[in-house]
Amino acid sequence: MPPPTSYTYLRDRIEQLKMEAKALNKNPLPTKISLSPVEQYCQKISSWINALPTSQQDRKYGINEVITLAGLKGLHEELPAQADVADALRKAGFSQVRSWKKADRNKRFWLYKHPI
């Protein structure tokens, strides 16, 4: 192959190729929008709680119960981080309450606040 007759800078050639590629690709595929783990958990929790009858929605839930019942999975571990789940519960409309009963050992529970 003979050498090119005119010399151009490599960066100019790359820019030209990028512009040609953009012109050919007028209908790019939509890029997948990745959600944060908290947003993913919030969606799963919301769909789970809305599928329950009202009597079940009024019940107090522990954070481990929510993880199990809503089917939440962690990114790198089997279980998700409890701080992420707590943030998702707050976004989904839950409020945190503490039980001061001796039998409950001052455990924290989550109550669902019905949307008005």
PDB file of N, CA and C in Angstrom:
ATOM      1  N   MET A   1       0.837  -1.162   0.000  1.00  0.00           N
ATOM      2  CA  MET A   1       0.000   0.000   0.000  1.00  0.00           C
ATOM      3  C   MET A   1       0.893   1.239   0.000  1.00  0.00           C
ATOM      4  N   PRO A   2       0.665   2.120  -0.932  1.00  0.00           N
ATOM      5  CA  PRO A   2       1.515   3.315  -1.019  1.00  0.00           C
ATOM      6  C   PRO A   2       1.189   4.288   0.123  1.00  0.00           C
ATOM      7  N   PRO A   3       2.149   5.089   0.516  1.00  0.00           N
ATOM      8  CA  PRO A   3       1.890   6.050   1.586  1.00  0.00           C
ATOM      9  C   PRO A   3       0.891   7.108   1.126  1.00  0.00           C
ATOM     10  N   PRO A   4       0.142   7.712   2.058  1.00  0.00           N
ATOM     11  CA  PRO A   4      -0.843   8.724   1.671  1.00  0.00           C
ATOM     12  C   PRO A   4      -0.153   9.944   1.065  1.00  0.00           C
ATOM     13  N   THR A   5      -0.847  10.591   0.139  1.00  0.00           N
ATOM     14  CA  THR A   5      -0.268  11.739  -0.534  1.00  0.00           C
ATOM     15  C   THR A   5      -0.322  12.994   0.325  1.00  0.00           C
ATOM     16  N   SER A   6      -1.314  13.113   1.153  1.00  0.00           N
ATOM     17  CA  SER A   6      -1.376  14.275   2.030  1.00  0.00           C
ATOM     18  C   SER A   6      -1.365  13.795   3.474  1.00  0.00           C
ATOM     19  N   TYR A   7      -0.682  14.518   4.291  1.00  0.00           N
ATOM     20  CA  TYR A   7      -0.577  14.150   5.689  1.00  0.00           C
ATOM     21  C   TYR A   7      -1.547  14.984   6.517  1.00  0.00           C
ATOM     22  N   THR A   8      -2.309  14.302   7.389  1.00  0.00           N
ATOM     23  CA  THR A   8      -3.198  15.005   8.315  1.00  0.00           C
ATOM     24  C   THR A   8      -2.865  14.537   9.723  1.00  0.00           C
ATOM     25  N   TYR A   9      -3.167  15.376  10.650  1.00  0.00           N
ATOM     26  CA  TYR A   9      -2.943  14.999  12.040  1.00  0.00           C
ATOM     27  C   TYR A   9      -3.937  13.922  12.440  1.00  0.00           C
ATOM     28  N   LEU A  10      -3.477  13.054  13.288  1.00  0.00           N
ATOM     29  CA  LEU A  10      -4.309  11.932  13.730  1.00  0.00           C
ATOM     30  C   LEU A  10      -5.553  12.420  14.464  1.00  0.00           C
ATOM     31  N   ARG A  11      -5.419  13.445  15.294  1.00  0.00           N
ATOM     32  CA  ARG A  11      -6.584  13.934  16.034  1.00  0.00           C
ATOM     33  C   ARG A  11      -7.640  14.517  15.100  1.00  0.00           C
ATOM     34  N   ASP A  12      -7.202  15.151  13.975  1.00  0.00           N
ATOM     35  CA  ASP A  12      -8.165  15.673  13.005  1.00  0.00           C
ATOM     36  C   ASP A  12      -8.906  14.535  12.326  1.00  0.00           C
ATOM     37  N   ARG A  13      -8.195  13.471  12.035  1.00  0.00           N
ATOM     38  CA  ARG A  13      -8.828  12.303  11.396  1.00  0.00           C
ATOM     39  C   ARG A  13      -9.829  11.640  12.349  1.00  0.00           C
ATOM     40  N   ILE A  14      -9.462  11.575  13.623  1.00  0.00           N
ATOM     41  CA  ILE A  14     -10.359  10.976  14.611  1.00  0.00           C
ATOM     42  C   ILE A  14     -11.626  11.807  14.751  1.00  0.00           C
ATOM     43  N   GLU A  15     -11.483  13.122  14.815  1.00  0.00           N
ATOM     44  CA  GLU A  15     -12.654  14.000  14.892  1.00  0.00           C
ATOM     45  C   GLU A  15     -13.550  13.848  13.671  1.00  0.00           C
ATOM     46  N   GLN A  16     -12.945  13.721  12.500  1.00  0.00           N
ATOM     47  CA  GLN A  16     -13.713  13.539  11.266  1.00  0.00           C
ATOM     48  C   GLN A  16     -14.487  12.224  11.310  1.00  0.00           C
ATOM     49  N   LEU A  17     -13.835  11.168  11.780  1.00  0.00           N
ATOM     50  CA  LEU A  17     -14.509   9.868  11.887  1.00  0.00           C
ATOM     51  C   LEU A  17     -15.643   9.908  12.912  1.00  0.00           C
ATOM     52  N   LYS A  18     -15.447  10.637  14.022  1.00  0.00           N
ATOM     53  CA  LYS A  18     -16.516  10.775  15.012  1.00  0.00           C
ATOM     54  C   LYS A  18     -17.720  11.497  14.426  1.00  0.00           C
ATOM     55  N   MET A  19     -17.475  12.552  13.677  1.00  0.00           N
ATOM     56  CA  MET A  19     -18.574  13.300  13.071  1.00  0.00           C
ATOM     57  C   MET A  19     -19.318  12.454  12.049  1.00  0.00           C
ATOM     58  N   GLU A  20     -18.590  11.645  11.269  1.00  0.00           N
ATOM     59  CA  GLU A  20     -19.235  10.758  10.304  1.00  0.00           C
ATOM     60  C   GLU A  20     -20.080   9.707  11.020  1.00  0.00           C
ATOM     61  N   ALA A  21     -19.575   9.187  12.122  1.00  0.00           N
ATOM     62  CA  ALA A  21     -20.317   8.175  12.874  1.00  0.00           C
ATOM     63  C   ALA A  21     -21.597   8.770  13.462  1.00  0.00           C
ATOM     64  N   LYS A  22     -21.525   9.997  13.969  1.00  0.00           N
ATOM     65  CA  LYS A  22     -22.720  10.646  14.504  1.00  0.00           C
ATOM     66  C   LYS A  22     -23.740  10.910  13.415  1.00  0.00           C
ATOM     67  N   ALA A  23     -23.276  11.277  12.222  1.00  0.00           N
ATOM     68  CA  ALA A  23     -24.190  11.546  11.115  1.00  0.00           C
ATOM     69  C   ALA A  23     -24.895  10.263  10.677  1.00  0.00           C
ATOM     70  N   LEU A  24     -24.204   9.143  10.685  1.00  0.00           N
ATOM     71  CA  LEU A  24     -24.813   7.876  10.290  1.00  0.00           C
ATOM     72  C   LEU A  24     -25.769   7.338  11.353  1.00  0.00           C
ATOM     73  N   ASN A  25     -25.489   7.621  12.597  1.00  0.00           N
ATOM     74  CA  ASN A  25     -26.268   7.080  13.701  1.00  0.00           C
ATOM     75  C   ASN A  25     -27.273   8.124  14.184  1.00  0.00           C
ATOM     76  N   LYS A  26     -28.283   8.392  13.374  1.00  0.00           N
ATOM     77  CA  LYS A  26     -29.282   9.403  13.728  1.00  0.00           C
ATOM     78  C   LYS A  26     -30.300   8.872  14.731  1.00  0.00           C
ATOM     79  N   ASN A  27     -30.511   7.588  14.772  1.00  0.00           N
ATOM     80  CA  ASN A  27     -31.470   6.974  15.683  1.00  0.00           C
ATOM     81  C   ASN A  27     -30.749   6.046  16.655  1.00  0.00           C
ATOM     82  N   PRO A  28     -30.017   6.592  17.593  1.00  0.00           N
ATOM     83  CA  PRO A  28     -29.320   5.698  18.518  1.00  0.00           C
ATOM     84  C   PRO A  28     -30.301   4.999  19.446  1.00  0.00           C
ATOM     85  N   LEU A  29     -29.918   3.854  19.924  1.00  0.00           N
ATOM     86  CA  LEU A  29     -30.745   3.131  20.884  1.00  0.00           C
ATOM     87  C   LEU A  29     -30.764   3.907  22.196  1.00  0.00           C
ATOM     88  N   PRO A  30     -31.893   3.902  22.882  1.00  0.00           N
ATOM     89  CA  PRO A  30     -31.927   4.621  24.158  1.00  0.00           C
ATOM     90  C   PRO A  30     -30.973   3.974  25.153  1.00  0.00           C
ATOM     91  N   THR A  31     -30.272   4.806  25.877  1.00  0.00           N
ATOM     92  CA  THR A  31     -29.338   4.276  26.858  1.00  0.00           C
ATOM     93  C   THR A  31     -30.107   3.831  28.094  1.00  0.00           C
ATOM     94  N   LYS A  32     -29.653   2.775  28.682  1.00  0.00           N
ATOM     95  CA  LYS A  32     -30.314   2.239  29.865  1.00  0.00           C
ATOM     96  C   LYS A  32     -29.975   3.135  31.050  1.00  0.00           C
ATOM     97  N   ILE A  33     -31.006   3.597  31.721  1.00  0.00           N
ATOM     98  CA  ILE A  33     -30.813   4.450  32.881  1.00  0.00           C
ATOM     99  C   ILE A  33     -30.694   3.545  34.096  1.00  0.00           C
ATOM    100  N   SER A  34     -29.543   3.616  34.737  1.00  0.00           N
ATOM    101  CA  SER A  34     -29.350   2.757  35.895  1.00  0.00           C
ATOM    102  C   SER A  34     -29.823   3.489  37.146  1.00  0.00           C
ATOM    103  N   LEU A  35     -30.546   2.757  37.963  1.00  0.00           N
ATOM    104  CA  LEU A  35     -31.066   3.305  39.201  1.00  0.00           C
ATOM    105  C   LEU A  35     -30.098   2.986  40.334  1.00  0.00           C
ATOM    106  N   SER A  36     -30.084   3.844  41.315  1.00  0.00           N
ATOM    107  CA  SER A  36     -29.266   3.562  42.488  1.00  0.00           C
ATOM    108  C   SER A  36     -29.913   2.418  43.261  1.00  0.00           C
ATOM    109  N   PRO A  37     -29.144   1.745  44.097  1.00  0.00           N
ATOM    110  CA  PRO A  37     -29.726   0.643  44.874  1.00  0.00           C
ATOM    111  C   PRO A  37     -30.914   1.088  45.723  1.00  0.00           C
ATOM    112  N   VAL A  38     -30.844   2.297  46.279  1.00  0.00           N
ATOM    113  CA  VAL A  38     -31.944   2.787  47.118  1.00  0.00           C
ATOM    114  C   VAL A  38     -33.213   2.938  46.287  1.00  0.00           C
ATOM    115  N   GLU A  39     -33.090   3.450  45.065  1.00  0.00           N
ATOM    116  CA  GLU A  39     -34.260   3.615  44.198  1.00  0.00           C
ATOM    117  C   GLU A  39     -34.834   2.261  43.781  1.00  0.00           C
ATOM    118  N   GLN A  40     -33.957   1.295  43.517  1.00  0.00           N
ATOM    119  CA  GLN A  40     -34.423  -0.056  43.178  1.00  0.00           C
ATOM    120  C   GLN A  40     -35.171  -0.678  44.354  1.00  0.00           C
ATOM    121  N   TYR A  41     -34.609  -0.543  45.556  1.00  0.00           N
ATOM    122  CA  TYR A  41     -35.261  -1.087  46.739  1.00  0.00           C
ATOM    123  C   TYR A  41     -36.595  -0.391  46.987  1.00  0.00           C
ATOM    124  N   CYS A  42     -36.638   0.916  46.768  1.00  0.00           N
ATOM    125  CA  CYS A  42     -37.866   1.679  46.982  1.00  0.00           C
ATOM    126  C   CYS A  42     -38.974   1.192  46.052  1.00  0.00           C
ATOM    127  N   GLN A  43     -38.628   0.931  44.786  1.00  0.00           N
ATOM    128  CA  GLN A  43     -39.626   0.421  43.840  1.00  0.00           C
ATOM    129  C   GLN A  43     -40.138  -0.944  44.269  1.00  0.00           C
ATOM    130  N   LYS A  44     -39.232  -1.825  44.684  1.00  0.00           N
ATOM    131  CA  LYS A  44     -39.645  -3.166  45.107  1.00  0.00           C
ATOM    132  C   LYS A  44     -40.505  -3.111  46.372  1.00  0.00           C
ATOM    133  N   ILE A  45     -40.113  -2.262  47.313  1.00  0.00           N
ATOM    134  CA  ILE A  45     -40.874  -2.141  48.559  1.00  0.00           C
ATOM    135  C   ILE A  45     -42.251  -1.562  48.287  1.00  0.00           C
ATOM    136  N   SER A  46     -42.318  -0.551  47.429  1.00  0.00           N
ATOM    137  CA  SER A  46     -43.612   0.063  47.113  1.00  0.00           C
ATOM    138  C   SER A  46     -44.548  -0.926  46.438  1.00  0.00           C
ATOM    139  N   SER A  47     -44.035  -1.695  45.488  1.00  0.00           N
ATOM    140  CA  SER A  47     -44.894  -2.669  44.812  1.00  0.00           C
ATOM    141  C   SER A  47     -45.329  -3.775  45.779  1.00  0.00           C
ATOM    142  N   TRP A  48     -44.448  -4.160  46.702  1.00  0.00           N
ATOM    143  CA  TRP A  48     -44.791  -5.198  47.671  1.00  0.00           C
ATOM    144  C   TRP A  48     -45.873  -4.698  48.638  1.00  0.00           C
ATOM    145  N   ILE A  49     -45.701  -3.503  49.205  1.00  0.00           N
ATOM    146  CA  ILE A  49     -46.649  -3.013  50.210  1.00  0.00           C
ATOM    147  C   ILE A  49     -47.999  -2.694  49.585  1.00  0.00           C
ATOM    148  N   ASN A  50     -48.014  -2.228  48.339  1.00  0.00           N
ATOM    149  CA  ASN A  50     -49.280  -1.913  47.681  1.00  0.00           C
ATOM    150  C   ASN A  50     -50.058  -3.161  47.284  1.00  0.00           C
ATOM    151  N   ALA A  51     -49.370  -4.290  47.196  1.00  0.00           N
ATOM    152  CA  ALA A  51     -50.048  -5.546  46.874  1.00  0.00           C
ATOM    153  C   ALA A  51     -50.712  -6.165  48.094  1.00  0.00           C
ATOM    154  N   LEU A  52     -50.379  -5.674  49.288  1.00  0.00           N
ATOM    155  CA  LEU A  52     -50.938  -6.228  50.515  1.00  0.00           C
ATOM    156  C   LEU A  52     -52.295  -5.612  50.834  1.00  0.00           C
ATOM    157  N   PRO A  53     -53.162  -6.346  51.531  1.00  0.00           N
ATOM    158  CA  PRO A  53     -54.423  -5.746  51.992  1.00  0.00           C
ATOM    159  C   PRO A  53     -54.140  -4.708  53.077  1.00  0.00           C
ATOM    160  N   THR A  54     -55.116  -3.863  53.342  1.00  0.00           N
ATOM    161  CA  THR A  54     -54.945  -2.763  54.288  1.00  0.00           C
ATOM    162  C   THR A  54     -54.594  -3.256  55.688  1.00  0.00           C
ATOM    163  N   SER A  55     -55.177  -4.364  56.082  1.00  0.00           N
ATOM    164  CA  SER A  55     -54.887  -4.887  57.418  1.00  0.00           C
ATOM    165  C   SER A  55     -53.415  -5.268  57.564  1.00  0.00           C
ATOM    166  N   GLN A  56     -52.804  -5.767  56.504  1.00  0.00           N
ATOM    167  CA  GLN A  56     -51.390  -6.113  56.536  1.00  0.00           C
ATOM    168  C   GLN A  56     -50.504  -4.876  56.428  1.00  0.00           C
ATOM    169  N   GLN A  57     -50.991  -3.847  55.733  1.00  0.00           N
ATOM    170  CA  GLN A  57     -50.211  -2.615  55.602  1.00  0.00           C
ATOM    171  C   GLN A  57     -50.090  -1.885  56.938  1.00  0.00           C
ATOM    172  N   ASP A  58     -51.081  -2.048  57.814  1.00  0.00           N
ATOM    173  CA  ASP A  58     -51.082  -1.354  59.104  1.00  0.00           C
ATOM    174  C   ASP A  58     -50.181  -2.021  60.135  1.00  0.00           C
ATOM    175  N   ARG A  59     -49.651  -3.156  59.835  1.00  0.00           N
ATOM    176  CA  ARG A  59     -48.825  -3.917  60.769  1.00  0.00           C
ATOM    177  C   ARG A  59     -47.425  -3.315  60.863  1.00  0.00           C
ATOM    178  N   LYS A  60     -46.745  -3.533  61.993  1.00  0.00           N
ATOM    179  CA  LYS A  60     -45.350  -3.113  62.147  1.00  0.00           C
ATOM    180  C   LYS A  60     -44.449  -4.188  61.539  1.00  0.00           C
ATOM    181  N   TYR A  61     -43.408  -3.755  60.838  1.00  0.00           N
ATOM    182  CA  TYR A  61     -42.469  -4.684  60.208  1.00  0.00           C
ATOM    183  C   TYR A  61     -41.058  -4.386  60.682  1.00  0.00           C
ATOM    184  N   GLY A  62     -40.300  -5.413  60.946  1.00  0.00           N
ATOM    185  CA  GLY A  62     -38.871  -5.261  61.205  1.00  0.00           C
ATOM    186  C   GLY A  62     -38.141  -5.157  59.876  1.00  0.00           C
ATOM    187  N   ILE A  63     -36.942  -4.620  59.897  1.00  0.00           N
ATOM    188  CA  ILE A  63     -36.217  -4.398  58.648  1.00  0.00           C
ATOM    189  C   ILE A  63     -35.856  -5.725  57.975  1.00  0.00           C
ATOM    190  N   ASN A  64     -35.559  -6.743  58.780  1.00  0.00           N
ATOM    191  CA  ASN A  64     -35.241  -8.056  58.192  1.00  0.00           C
ATOM    192  C   ASN A  64     -36.472  -8.695  57.566  1.00  0.00           C
ATOM    193  N   GLU A  65     -37.649  -8.444  58.155  1.00  0.00           N
ATOM    194  CA  GLU A  65     -38.895  -8.935  57.554  1.00  0.00           C
ATOM    195  C   GLU A  65     -39.122  -8.289  56.192  1.00  0.00           C
ATOM    196  N   VAL A  66     -38.895  -6.988  56.120  1.00  0.00           N
ATOM    197  CA  VAL A  66     -39.096  -6.268  54.860  1.00  0.00           C
ATOM    198  C   VAL A  66     -38.149  -6.802  53.794  1.00  0.00           C
ATOM    199  N   ILE A  67     -36.902  -7.030  54.166  1.00  0.00           N
ATOM    200  CA  ILE A  67     -35.916  -7.552  53.208  1.00  0.00           C
ATOM    201  C   ILE A  67     -36.370  -8.898  52.669  1.00  0.00           C
ATOM    202  N   THR A  68     -36.867  -9.759  53.545  1.00  0.00           N
ATOM    203  CA  THR A  68     -37.297 -11.097  53.131  1.00  0.00           C
ATOM    204  C   THR A  68     -38.588 -11.043  52.315  1.00  0.00           C
ATOM    205  N   LEU A  69     -39.582 -10.321  52.826  1.00  0.00           N
ATOM    206  CA  LEU A  69     -40.894 -10.311  52.177  1.00  0.00           C
ATOM    207  C   LEU A  69     -40.892  -9.557  50.847  1.00  0.00           C
ATOM    208  N   ALA A  70     -40.102  -8.497  50.739  1.00  0.00           N
ATOM    209  CA  ALA A  70     -40.049  -7.732  49.493  1.00  0.00           C
ATOM    210  C   ALA A  70     -39.079  -8.349  48.494  1.00  0.00           C
ATOM    211  N   GLY A  71     -38.297  -9.324  48.925  1.00  0.00           N
ATOM    212  CA  GLY A  71     -37.366 -10.003  48.021  1.00  0.00           C
ATOM    213  C   GLY A  71     -36.193  -9.128  47.608  1.00  0.00           C
ATOM    214  N   LEU A  72     -35.632  -8.401  48.560  1.00  0.00           N
ATOM    215  CA  LEU A  72     -34.516  -7.509  48.244  1.00  0.00           C
ATOM    216  C   LEU A  72     -33.206  -8.296  48.232  1.00  0.00           C
ATOM    217  N   LYS A  73     -32.375  -8.006  47.261  1.00  0.00           N
ATOM    218  CA  LYS A  73     -31.058  -8.634  47.133  1.00  0.00           C
ATOM    219  C   LYS A  73     -30.003  -7.547  47.120  1.00  0.00           C
ATOM    220  N   GLY A  74     -28.846  -7.849  47.675  1.00  0.00           N
ATOM    221  CA  GLY A  74     -27.750  -6.892  47.694  1.00  0.00           C
ATOM    222  C   GLY A  74     -27.008  -6.869  46.372  1.00  0.00           C
ATOM    223  N   LEU A  75     -26.188  -5.844  46.189  1.00  0.00           N
ATOM    224  CA  LEU A  75     -25.405  -5.740  44.958  1.00  0.00           C
ATOM    225  C   LEU A  75     -24.259  -6.742  44.949  1.00  0.00           C
ATOM    226  N   HIS A  76     -23.555  -6.834  46.073  1.00  0.00           N
ATOM    227  CA  HIS A  76     -22.384  -7.706  46.137  1.00  0.00           C
ATOM    228  C   HIS A  76     -22.552  -8.849  47.122  1.00  0.00           C
ATOM    229  N   GLU A  77     -23.481  -8.702  48.023  1.00  0.00           N
ATOM    230  CA  GLU A  77     -23.747  -9.717  49.036  1.00  0.00           C
ATOM    231  C   GLU A  77     -25.145 -10.281  48.815  1.00  0.00           C
ATOM    232  N   GLU A  78     -25.472 -11.305  49.567  1.00  0.00           N
ATOM    233  CA  GLU A  78     -26.813 -11.890  49.448  1.00  0.00           C
ATOM    234  C   GLU A  78     -27.875 -10.940  49.998  1.00  0.00           C
ATOM    235  N   LEU A  79     -27.548 -10.270  51.101  1.00  0.00           N
ATOM    236  CA  LEU A  79     -28.484  -9.332  51.719  1.00  0.00           C
ATOM    237  C   LEU A  79     -28.053  -7.899  51.434  1.00  0.00           C
ATOM    238  N   PRO A  80     -29.015  -6.996  51.270  1.00  0.00           N
ATOM    239  CA  PRO A  80     -28.655  -5.595  51.027  1.00  0.00           C
ATOM    240  C   PRO A  80     -28.202  -4.908  52.313  1.00  0.00           C
ATOM    241  N   ALA A  81     -27.564  -3.775  52.150  1.00  0.00           N
ATOM    242  CA  ALA A  81     -27.145  -2.991  53.312  1.00  0.00           C
ATOM    243  C   ALA A  81     -28.383  -2.431  54.009  1.00  0.00           C
ATOM    244  N   GLN A  82     -28.419  -2.539  55.322  1.00  0.00           N
ATOM    245  CA  GLN A  82     -29.604  -2.101  56.052  1.00  0.00           C
ATOM    246  C   GLN A  82     -29.786  -0.591  55.981  1.00  0.00           C
ATOM    247  N   ALA A  83     -28.706   0.163  55.835  1.00  0.00           N
ATOM    248  CA  ALA A  83     -28.833   1.617  55.696  1.00  0.00           C
ATOM    249  C   ALA A  83     -29.532   1.975  54.386  1.00  0.00           C
ATOM    250  N   ASP A  84     -29.223   1.251  53.306  1.00  0.00           N
ATOM    251  CA  ASP A  84     -29.894   1.490  52.023  1.00  0.00           C
ATOM    252  C   ASP A  84     -31.370   1.118  52.109  1.00  0.00           C
ATOM    253  N   VAL A  85     -31.661   0.025  52.777  1.00  0.00           N
ATOM    254  CA  VAL A  85     -33.051  -0.398  52.927  1.00  0.00           C
ATOM    255  C   VAL A  85     -33.824   0.621  53.768  1.00  0.00           C
ATOM    256  N   ALA A  86     -33.188   1.149  54.813  1.00  0.00           N
ATOM    257  CA  ALA A  86     -33.841   2.152  55.656  1.00  0.00           C
ATOM    258  C   ALA A  86     -34.150   3.413  54.845  1.00  0.00           C
ATOM    259  N   ASP A  87     -33.217   3.856  54.010  1.00  0.00           N
ATOM    260  CA  ASP A  87     -33.476   5.022  53.151  1.00  0.00           C
ATOM    261  C   ASP A  87     -34.617   4.743  52.180  1.00  0.00           C
ATOM    262  N   ALA A  88     -34.640   3.539  51.630  1.00  0.00           N
ATOM    263  CA  ALA A  88     -35.710   3.174  50.696  1.00  0.00           C
ATOM    264  C   ALA A  88     -37.063   3.121  51.406  1.00  0.00           C
ATOM    265  N   LEU A  89     -37.082   2.626  52.634  1.00  0.00           N
ATOM    266  CA  LEU A  89     -38.329   2.575  53.402  1.00  0.00           C
ATOM    267  C   LEU A  89     -38.855   3.984  53.666  1.00  0.00           C
ATOM    268  N   ARG A  90     -37.966   4.903  53.997  1.00  0.00           N
ATOM    269  CA  ARG A  90     -38.399   6.286  54.219  1.00  0.00           C
ATOM    270  C   ARG A  90     -38.973   6.890  52.942  1.00  0.00           C
ATOM    271  N   LYS A  91     -38.327   6.623  51.807  1.00  0.00           N
ATOM    272  CA  LYS A  91     -38.826   7.148  50.532  1.00  0.00           C
ATOM    273  C   LYS A  91     -40.153   6.505  50.134  1.00  0.00           C
ATOM    274  N   ALA A  92     -40.362   5.263  50.550  1.00  0.00           N
ATOM    275  CA  ALA A  92     -41.590   4.547  50.198  1.00  0.00           C
ATOM    276  C   ALA A  92     -42.757   4.918  51.095  1.00  0.00           C
ATOM    277  N   GLY A  93     -42.516   5.727  52.123  1.00  0.00           N
ATOM    278  CA  GLY A  93     -43.620   6.178  52.969  1.00  0.00           C
ATOM    279  C   GLY A  93     -43.701   5.496  54.317  1.00  0.00           C
ATOM    280  N   PHE A  94     -42.647   4.874  54.760  1.00  0.00           N
ATOM    281  CA  PHE A  94     -42.628   4.237  56.067  1.00  0.00           C
ATOM    282  C   PHE A  94     -42.049   5.203  57.087  1.00  0.00           C
ATOM    283  N   SER A  95     -42.464   5.047  58.336  1.00  0.00           N
ATOM    284  CA  SER A  95     -41.857   5.812  59.418  1.00  0.00           C
ATOM    285  C   SER A  95     -41.306   4.824  60.440  1.00  0.00           C
ATOM    286  N   GLN A  96     -40.257   5.237  61.098  1.00  0.00           N
ATOM    287  CA  GLN A  96     -39.573   4.369  62.038  1.00  0.00           C
ATOM    288  C   GLN A  96     -40.111   4.610  63.447  1.00  0.00           C
ATOM    289  N   VAL A  97     -40.436   3.526  64.142  1.00  0.00           N
ATOM    290  CA  VAL A  97     -40.880   3.604  65.525  1.00  0.00           C
ATOM    291  C   VAL A  97     -40.073   2.603  66.344  1.00  0.00           C
ATOM    292  N   ARG A  98     -39.953   2.885  67.616  1.00  0.00           N
ATOM    293  CA  ARG A  98     -39.221   1.985  68.503  1.00  0.00           C
ATOM    294  C   ARG A  98     -40.192   1.410  69.528  1.00  0.00           C
ATOM    295  N   SER A  99     -40.076   0.126  69.762  1.00  0.00           N
ATOM    296  CA  SER A  99     -40.889  -0.525  70.781  1.00  0.00           C
ATOM    297  C   SER A  99     -40.084  -0.569  72.073  1.00  0.00           C
ATOM    298  N   TRP A 100     -40.670  -0.001  73.125  1.00  0.00           N
ATOM    299  CA  TRP A 100     -39.977   0.059  74.405  1.00  0.00           C
ATOM    300  C   TRP A 100     -40.368  -1.102  75.316  1.00  0.00           C
ATOM    301  N   LYS A 101     -41.093  -2.085  74.774  1.00  0.00           N
ATOM    302  CA  LYS A 101     -41.482  -3.238  75.585  1.00  0.00           C
ATOM    303  C   LYS A 101     -40.246  -4.076  75.923  1.00  0.00           C
ATOM    304  N   LYS A 102     -40.291  -4.678  77.079  1.00  0.00           N
ATOM    305  CA  LYS A 102     -39.158  -5.507  77.501  1.00  0.00           C
ATOM    306  C   LYS A 102     -39.003  -6.718  76.580  1.00  0.00           C
ATOM    307  N   ALA A 103     -40.136  -7.266  76.137  1.00  0.00           N
ATOM    308  CA  ALA A 103     -40.084  -8.449  75.271  1.00  0.00           C
ATOM    309  C   ALA A 103     -39.515  -8.111  73.884  1.00  0.00           C
ATOM    310  N   ASP A 104     -39.735  -6.879  73.428  1.00  0.00           N
ATOM    311  CA  ASP A 104     -39.231  -6.481  72.106  1.00  0.00           C
ATOM    312  C   ASP A 104     -37.785  -6.001  72.142  1.00  0.00           C
ATOM    313  N   ARG A 105     -37.252  -5.801  73.349  1.00  0.00           N
ATOM    314  CA  ARG A 105     -35.850  -5.400  73.534  1.00  0.00           C
ATOM    315  C   ARG A 105     -35.513  -4.101  72.805  1.00  0.00           C
ATOM    316  N   ASN A 106     -36.410  -3.134  72.865  1.00  0.00           N
ATOM    317  CA  ASN A 106     -36.207  -1.807  72.267  1.00  0.00           C
ATOM    318  C   ASN A 106     -35.943  -1.868  70.760  1.00  0.00           C
ATOM    319  N   LYS A 107     -36.567  -2.811  70.127  1.00  0.00           N
ATOM    320  CA  LYS A 107     -36.341  -3.012  68.697  1.00  0.00           C
ATOM    321  C   LYS A 107     -37.029  -1.919  67.875  1.00  0.00           C
ATOM    322  N   ARG A 108     -36.432  -1.589  66.730  1.00  0.00           N
ATOM    323  CA  ARG A 108     -37.031  -0.619  65.812  1.00  0.00           C
ATOM    324  C   ARG A 108     -37.946  -1.344  64.837  1.00  0.00           C
ATOM    325  N   PHE A 109     -39.075  -0.722  64.569  1.00  0.00           N
ATOM    326  CA  PHE A 109     -40.035  -1.242  63.599  1.00  0.00           C
ATOM    327  C   PHE A 109     -40.345  -0.164  62.583  1.00  0.00           C
ATOM    328  N   TRP A 110     -40.971  -0.570  61.493  1.00  0.00           N
ATOM    329  CA  TRP A 110     -41.337   0.351  60.424  1.00  0.00           C
ATOM    330  C   TRP A 110     -42.838   0.271  60.211  1.00  0.00           C
ATOM    331  N   LEU A 111     -43.514   1.439  60.224  1.00  0.00           N
ATOM    332  CA  LEU A 111     -44.942   1.546  59.988  1.00  0.00           C
ATOM    333  C   LEU A 111     -45.173   2.245  58.666  1.00  0.00           C
ATOM    334  N   TYR A 112     -46.107   1.709  57.888  1.00  0.00           N
ATOM    335  CA  TYR A 112     -46.434   2.298  56.592  1.00  0.00           C
ATOM    336  C   TYR A 112     -47.450   3.418  56.786  1.00  0.00           C
ATOM    337  N   LYS A 113     -47.154   4.592  56.242  1.00  0.00           N
ATOM    338  CA  LYS A 113     -48.096   5.719  56.288  1.00  0.00           C
ATOM    339  C   LYS A 113     -48.868   5.713  54.979  1.00  0.00           C
ATOM    340  N   HIS A 114     -50.172   5.538  55.064  1.00  0.00           N
ATOM    341  CA  HIS A 114     -50.991   5.493  53.863  1.00  0.00           C
ATOM    342  C   HIS A 114     -50.991   6.844  53.164  1.00  0.00           C
ATOM    343  N   PRO A 115     -50.850   6.857  51.838  1.00  0.00           N
ATOM    344  CA  PRO A 115     -50.934   8.142  51.124  1.00  0.00           C
ATOM    345  C   PRO A 115     -52.373   8.682  51.167  1.00  0.00           C
ATOM    346  N   ILE A 116     -52.480   9.958  51.277  1.00  0.00           N
ATOM    347  CA  ILE A 116     -53.807  10.586  51.387  1.00  0.00           C
ATOM    348  C   ILE A 116     -54.406  10.828  50.024  1.00  0.00           C
TER     349      ILE A 116
END
